[in-house]
Amino acid sequence: MISVGLTGWGDHDSLYLTKEAVKQKLPVYSSLFPVVEVDSSFYAIQSKHNMEKWTAETPEHFRFLVKAYQGMTGHTRGKIPYDSEEEMFRNFRLSISTMEEADKLQAALFQFPPWFDCTRENVRTLRRVRQLMGEVPCALEFRHQSWFIPQMRDKTLGFMREENWIHSVCDEPQAGIGSVPIVEEATHPELTVVRMHGRNESGWNASGQPNWREIRYLYRYNEQELSEWAERLRRLEQQSRQVCVIFNNNSAGDAADNARQLMAMLGQQVPAIPQEQPPEAEQIDLFDL
């Protein structure tokens, strides 16, 4: 089974064309896509109240891919607001417990930073993280090329299988050591994650520039690129029971369009986006008794 969704549900203006939709974004989003990546959890571990609310607002079949808090992946350069590593992980696991209990947690996504390279110390870190997460399904995404250079590729994938990591396959620009190639291989029989970051090579290494996040993900996939991915996804589907595809190329609002285009290519139903009812139709409805 292949599920297609987006990073977050709040910033995709093309999906919310009615006044009601603007007020009820998550319920509308979950009527259009079966999965979403929660990225707000990267910046702060979300309250259990938020998680309960989001769980309640979505249909039974809906799933959340929850991004790990930045302190858990080594992104935080300031003070982490927890007294210990154990407390931080405990709070994150408590946060996602509502989704787990409702069977709506796709996985926790651990995206490590570009400076997290393939070293013994970092391998130990990955083992420690997996231990702290217990039985929670966890997806692993690298941003440093050293994990997938020819002499390390198979060792990295073998390690991920041994440690029960779900592979987060990336489509991103090939822009130096801080990017990884497409590695079309599953490491877990239940799930493979695919994250579509775009191919804006010139903007990928724009950290430090104003609005660098908007520059990095400024990209629209063309039909040929999506067609190639449709074939890759079908092959990955032979390796994992589920393949979860997340479009993250939303700097110019392209993610939703590309996701719906891919769904159509895969032969999936593409639900209609709710539209405002024209005034004349409303008048006609008055007499439709």
Protein backbone atom coordinates (compact mmCIF):
# COMPACT_ATOMS: atom_id res chain seq x y z
CA MET A 1 0.00 0.00 0.00
CA ILE A 2 1.31 3.46 -0.93
CA SER A 3 0.10 6.48 1.08
CA VAL A 4 0.81 10.02 -0.15
CA GLY A 5 0.75 13.14 2.02
CA LEU A 6 2.41 16.45 2.85
CA THR A 7 4.60 18.05 5.48
CA GLY A 8 2.17 19.84 7.80
CA TRP A 9 -1.41 20.76 7.00
CA GLY A 10 -1.51 24.48 7.67
CA ASP A 11 0.44 26.06 4.79
CA HIS A 12 -1.18 24.51 1.72
CA ASP A 13 -3.48 27.33 0.66
CA SER A 14 -4.64 25.60 -2.51
CA LEU A 15 -6.49 23.04 -0.36
CA TYR A 16 -8.54 25.53 1.65
CA LEU A 17 -10.80 27.42 -0.74
CA THR A 18 -13.85 27.88 1.48
CA LYS A 19 -14.31 29.87 4.66
CA GLU A 20 -15.16 26.68 6.51
CA ALA A 21 -12.04 24.93 5.19
CA VAL A 22 -9.82 27.74 6.45
CA LYS A 23 -11.31 27.26 9.93
CA GLN A 24 -11.09 23.45 9.83
CA LYS A 25 -7.80 22.77 8.04
CA LEU A 26 -6.89 19.40 9.53
CA PRO A 27 -10.35 17.81 9.01
CA VAL A 28 -10.31 19.05 5.39
CA TYR A 29 -6.72 17.91 4.87
CA SER A 30 -7.52 14.45 6.23
CA SER A 31 -10.39 14.13 3.74
CA LEU A 32 -7.88 14.68 0.90
CA PHE A 33 -4.81 12.74 2.09
CA PRO A 34 -4.35 9.63 4.29
CA VAL A 35 -1.16 10.75 6.07
CA VAL A 36 0.64 13.90 7.23
CA GLU A 37 4.06 14.72 8.65
CA VAL A 38 3.86 16.65 11.93
CA ASP A 39 6.82 19.03 11.72
CA SER A 40 5.89 21.34 14.61
CA SER A 41 7.18 18.61 16.93
CA PHE A 42 10.70 19.28 15.65
CA TYR A 43 10.67 22.76 17.21
CA ALA A 44 8.96 21.78 20.46
CA ILE A 45 7.58 18.54 21.87
CA GLN A 46 3.86 18.96 21.44
CA SER A 47 1.46 18.86 24.35
CA LYS A 48 -0.64 15.76 24.84
CA HIS A 49 -3.66 18.06 24.48
CA ASN A 50 -2.62 19.02 20.93
CA MET A 51 -2.02 15.41 20.00
CA GLU A 52 -5.39 14.37 21.40
CA LYS A 53 -7.13 17.15 19.47
CA TRP A 54 -5.44 16.24 16.17
CA THR A 55 -6.16 12.56 16.69
CA ALA A 56 -9.84 13.28 17.32
CA GLU A 57 -10.16 15.54 14.26
CA THR A 58 -9.09 12.86 11.77
CA PRO A 59 -10.78 9.72 10.41
CA GLU A 60 -9.95 6.24 11.62
CA HIS A 61 -7.72 5.36 8.67
CA PHE A 62 -5.57 8.52 8.99
CA ARG A 63 -1.91 8.35 10.08
CA PHE A 64 0.63 10.82 11.52
CA LEU A 65 4.38 10.73 10.84
CA VAL A 66 5.74 12.71 13.80
CA LYS A 67 9.11 14.39 13.43
CA ALA A 68 11.42 13.95 16.42
CA TYR A 69 12.23 17.00 18.54
CA GLN A 70 15.45 18.73 17.47
CA GLY A 71 17.12 18.05 20.83
CA MET A 72 16.78 14.33 20.14
CA THR A 73 18.67 14.53 16.83
CA GLY A 74 21.47 16.95 17.73
CA HIS A 75 20.11 19.99 15.90
CA THR A 76 19.71 22.18 19.00
CA ARG A 77 22.62 24.52 19.58
CA GLY A 78 21.12 26.33 22.55
CA LYS A 79 19.91 25.01 25.88
CA ILE A 80 17.56 22.04 25.78
CA PRO A 81 14.65 22.57 28.22
CA TYR A 82 14.98 19.14 29.84
CA ASP A 83 17.13 18.03 32.75
CA SER A 84 18.22 14.81 31.09
CA GLU A 85 18.14 12.88 27.84
CA GLU A 86 15.82 10.34 29.45
CA GLU A 87 13.34 13.07 30.43
CA MET A 88 13.36 14.52 26.91
CA PHE A 89 12.65 11.16 25.28
CA ARG A 90 10.05 10.31 27.93
CA ASN A 91 8.17 13.55 27.19
CA PHE A 92 8.26 12.91 23.46
CA ARG A 93 6.93 9.39 23.91
CA LEU A 94 4.17 10.69 26.17
CA SER A 95 3.28 13.26 23.52
CA ILE A 96 2.79 10.63 20.80
CA SER A 97 1.09 8.08 23.06
CA THR A 98 -2.43 9.23 22.13
CA MET A 99 -1.72 8.58 18.45
CA GLU A 100 -0.18 5.22 19.30
CA GLU A 101 -3.22 4.17 21.31
CA ALA A 102 -5.57 5.21 18.50
CA ASP A 103 -3.42 3.31 15.95
CA LYS A 104 -2.80 6.57 14.10
CA LEU A 105 0.97 6.81 14.55
CA GLN A 106 2.74 5.94 11.30
CA ALA A 107 6.18 6.37 12.88
CA ALA A 108 8.47 8.81 14.67
CA LEU A 109 10.81 10.40 12.13
CA PHE A 110 14.43 10.99 13.16
CA GLN A 111 16.12 13.27 10.64
CA PHE A 112 19.74 13.80 11.63
CA PRO A 113 21.65 16.97 10.63
CA PRO A 114 24.19 17.39 7.81
CA TRP A 115 27.08 17.22 10.29
CA PHE A 116 25.95 13.82 11.63
CA ASP A 117 28.44 11.70 9.70
CA CYS A 118 29.22 8.01 9.65
CA THR A 119 31.40 7.49 12.74
CA ARG A 120 31.51 4.93 15.56
CA GLU A 121 30.29 7.58 17.99
CA ASN A 122 27.27 8.38 15.84
CA VAL A 123 26.49 4.69 15.36
CA ARG A 124 26.43 4.42 19.17
CA THR A 125 24.09 7.43 19.24
CA LEU A 126 21.68 5.69 16.87
CA ARG A 127 21.70 2.57 19.04
CA ARG A 128 21.01 4.70 22.11
CA VAL A 129 18.11 6.53 20.43
CA ARG A 130 16.56 3.27 19.32
CA GLN A 131 16.86 1.92 22.86
CA LEU A 132 15.20 5.02 24.34
CA MET A 133 12.30 4.78 21.86
CA GLY A 134 11.47 1.19 22.83
CA GLU A 135 8.83 -0.41 20.61
CA VAL A 136 7.81 2.82 18.87
CA PRO A 137 8.25 2.50 15.07
CA CYS A 138 11.09 4.87 14.11
CA ALA A 139 12.18 6.11 10.68
CA LEU A 140 15.77 7.23 10.12
CA GLU A 141 16.89 9.89 7.65
CA PHE A 142 20.48 10.92 7.03
CA ARG A 143 21.74 14.21 5.63
CA HIS A 144 25.44 13.30 5.35
CA GLN A 145 26.72 11.45 2.29
CA SER A 146 29.21 9.33 4.24
CA TRP A 147 26.48 6.86 5.27
CA PHE A 148 25.89 5.88 1.65
CA ILE A 149 29.28 6.04 -0.02
CA PRO A 150 29.88 2.73 -1.91
CA GLN A 151 31.95 1.09 0.84
CA MET A 152 29.40 2.00 3.58
CA ARG A 153 26.03 1.72 1.83
CA ASP A 154 25.35 -1.97 2.54
CA LYS A 155 26.77 -1.73 6.07
CA THR A 156 24.48 1.22 6.83
CA LEU A 157 21.41 -0.60 5.51
CA GLY A 158 22.37 -3.77 7.37
CA PHE A 159 22.77 -1.82 10.60
CA MET A 160 19.35 -0.23 10.13
CA ARG A 161 17.78 -3.67 9.70
CA GLU A 162 19.50 -5.02 12.80
CA GLU A 163 18.42 -2.06 14.92
CA ASN A 164 14.83 -2.03 13.61
CA TRP A 165 15.10 1.35 11.87
CA ILE A 166 12.65 2.21 9.06
CA HIS A 167 14.45 3.71 6.08
CA SER A 168 13.48 7.27 5.14
CA VAL A 169 14.43 7.40 1.46
CA CYS A 170 15.19 10.92 0.24
CA ASP A 171 14.71 12.71 -3.04
CA GLU A 172 16.86 15.82 -2.71
CA PRO A 173 19.46 17.79 -4.70
CA GLN A 174 22.85 16.17 -5.11
CA ALA A 175 24.65 19.17 -3.70
CA GLY A 176 27.73 17.94 -1.91
CA ILE A 177 28.43 16.07 1.30
CA GLY A 178 25.34 17.46 3.05
CA SER A 179 22.95 15.57 0.79
CA VAL A 180 22.28 11.87 0.21
CA PRO A 181 21.45 9.95 -2.96
CA ILE A 182 18.23 8.09 -3.63
CA VAL A 183 18.76 4.70 -1.98
CA GLU A 184 15.91 2.55 -3.21
CA GLU A 185 15.94 -0.09 -0.52
CA ALA A 186 13.69 -0.94 2.42
CA THR A 187 15.09 -1.87 5.82
CA HIS A 188 11.82 -2.80 7.52
CA PRO A 189 9.14 -5.23 6.29
CA GLU A 190 6.26 -3.08 7.55
CA LEU A 191 7.10 0.43 6.37
CA THR A 192 9.35 2.55 4.15
CA VAL A 193 9.16 6.35 4.25
CA VAL A 194 9.94 8.49 1.20
CA ARG A 195 10.43 12.24 1.61
CA MET A 196 10.36 14.48 -1.45
CA HIS A 197 12.47 17.55 -0.70
CA GLY A 198 12.73 18.88 -4.27
CA ARG A 199 15.82 19.29 -6.43
CA ASN A 200 16.78 22.91 -5.94
CA GLU A 201 20.54 22.37 -6.04
CA SER A 202 21.49 26.04 -5.80
CA GLY A 203 19.26 26.56 -2.77
CA TRP A 204 20.09 23.40 -0.85
CA ASN A 205 23.17 24.78 0.86
CA ALA A 206 21.68 28.22 1.51
CA SER A 207 21.83 27.99 5.33
CA GLY A 208 22.59 31.36 6.88
CA GLN A 209 20.87 33.33 4.14
CA PRO A 210 17.61 35.17 4.89
CA ASN A 211 14.61 32.89 4.38
CA TRP A 212 16.91 29.95 3.60
CA ARG A 213 14.22 27.39 4.36
CA GLU A 214 11.98 28.90 1.69
CA ILE A 215 14.85 28.83 -0.80
CA ARG A 216 15.85 25.23 -0.03
CA TYR A 217 12.46 23.68 -0.80
CA LEU A 218 11.58 25.84 -3.80
CA TYR A 219 10.91 23.22 -6.45
CA ARG A 220 8.11 21.73 -8.54
CA TYR A 221 8.48 18.15 -9.77
CA ASN A 222 7.71 17.64 -13.43
CA GLU A 223 5.69 14.79 -14.90
CA GLN A 224 8.72 12.75 -15.90
CA GLU A 225 10.26 12.98 -12.42
CA LEU A 226 7.01 11.90 -10.78
CA SER A 227 6.56 9.08 -13.28
CA GLU A 228 10.02 7.76 -12.36
CA TRP A 229 9.04 7.91 -8.70
CA ALA A 230 5.80 6.05 -9.33
CA GLU A 231 7.89 3.16 -10.63
CA ARG A 232 10.29 3.34 -7.68
CA LEU A 233 7.39 3.30 -5.24
CA ARG A 234 5.91 0.21 -6.84
CA ARG A 235 9.27 -1.52 -6.44
CA LEU A 236 9.56 -0.40 -2.79
CA GLU A 237 6.02 -1.70 -2.24
CA GLN A 238 7.39 -5.16 -3.01
CA GLN A 239 9.83 -4.78 -0.08
CA SER A 240 7.57 -3.19 2.58
CA ARG A 241 3.91 -3.66 3.38
CA GLN A 242 3.44 0.12 3.43
CA VAL A 243 5.22 2.99 1.67
CA CYS A 244 4.55 6.46 3.06
CA VAL A 245 5.41 9.34 0.68
CA ILE A 246 5.70 12.88 2.04
CA PHE A 247 6.07 15.95 -0.19
CA ASN A 248 8.16 18.66 1.49
CA ASN A 249 8.62 20.98 -1.53
CA ASN A 250 6.19 23.64 -0.44
CA SER A 251 8.14 26.91 -0.59
CA ALA A 252 5.95 28.03 -3.51
CA GLY A 253 2.93 25.86 -2.71
CA ASP A 254 3.93 23.01 -5.03
CA ALA A 255 3.69 20.10 -2.58
CA ALA A 256 -0.08 19.60 -2.69
CA ASP A 257 -0.26 19.72 -6.49
CA ASN A 258 2.64 17.31 -6.90
CA ALA A 259 1.18 14.91 -4.32
CA ARG A 260 -2.21 14.83 -6.04
CA GLN A 261 -0.49 14.38 -9.41
CA LEU A 262 1.44 11.37 -8.08
CA MET A 263 -1.71 9.88 -6.56
CA ALA A 264 -3.36 10.00 -9.98
CA MET A 265 -0.31 8.36 -11.58
CA LEU A 266 -0.55 5.54 -9.04
CA GLY A 267 -4.19 4.98 -9.95
CA GLN A 268 -5.43 6.23 -6.58
CA GLN A 269 -8.61 8.18 -6.00
CA VAL A 270 -7.87 11.91 -5.83
CA PRO A 271 -10.64 13.56 -3.76
CA ALA A 272 -12.06 16.86 -4.97
CA ILE A 273 -10.96 19.97 -3.08
CA PRO A 274 -13.98 21.63 -1.40
CA GLN A 275 -15.14 24.72 -3.32
CA GLU A 276 -17.35 27.63 -2.34
CA GLN A 277 -20.86 27.07 -3.63
CA PRO A 278 -21.80 29.76 -6.20
CA PRO A 279 -24.68 32.07 -5.16
CA GLU A 280 -26.94 30.95 -8.00
CA ALA A 281 -26.64 27.33 -6.88
CA GLU A 282 -27.61 28.34 -3.36
CA GLN A 283 -30.73 30.04 -4.71
CA ILE A 284 -31.71 26.99 -6.74
CA ASP A 285 -31.29 24.82 -3.64
CA LEU A 286 -33.97 26.87 -1.90
CA PHE A 287 -36.58 25.30 -4.16
CA ASP A 288 -35.10 21.80 -4.05
CA LEU A 289 -37.48 20.47 -1.38
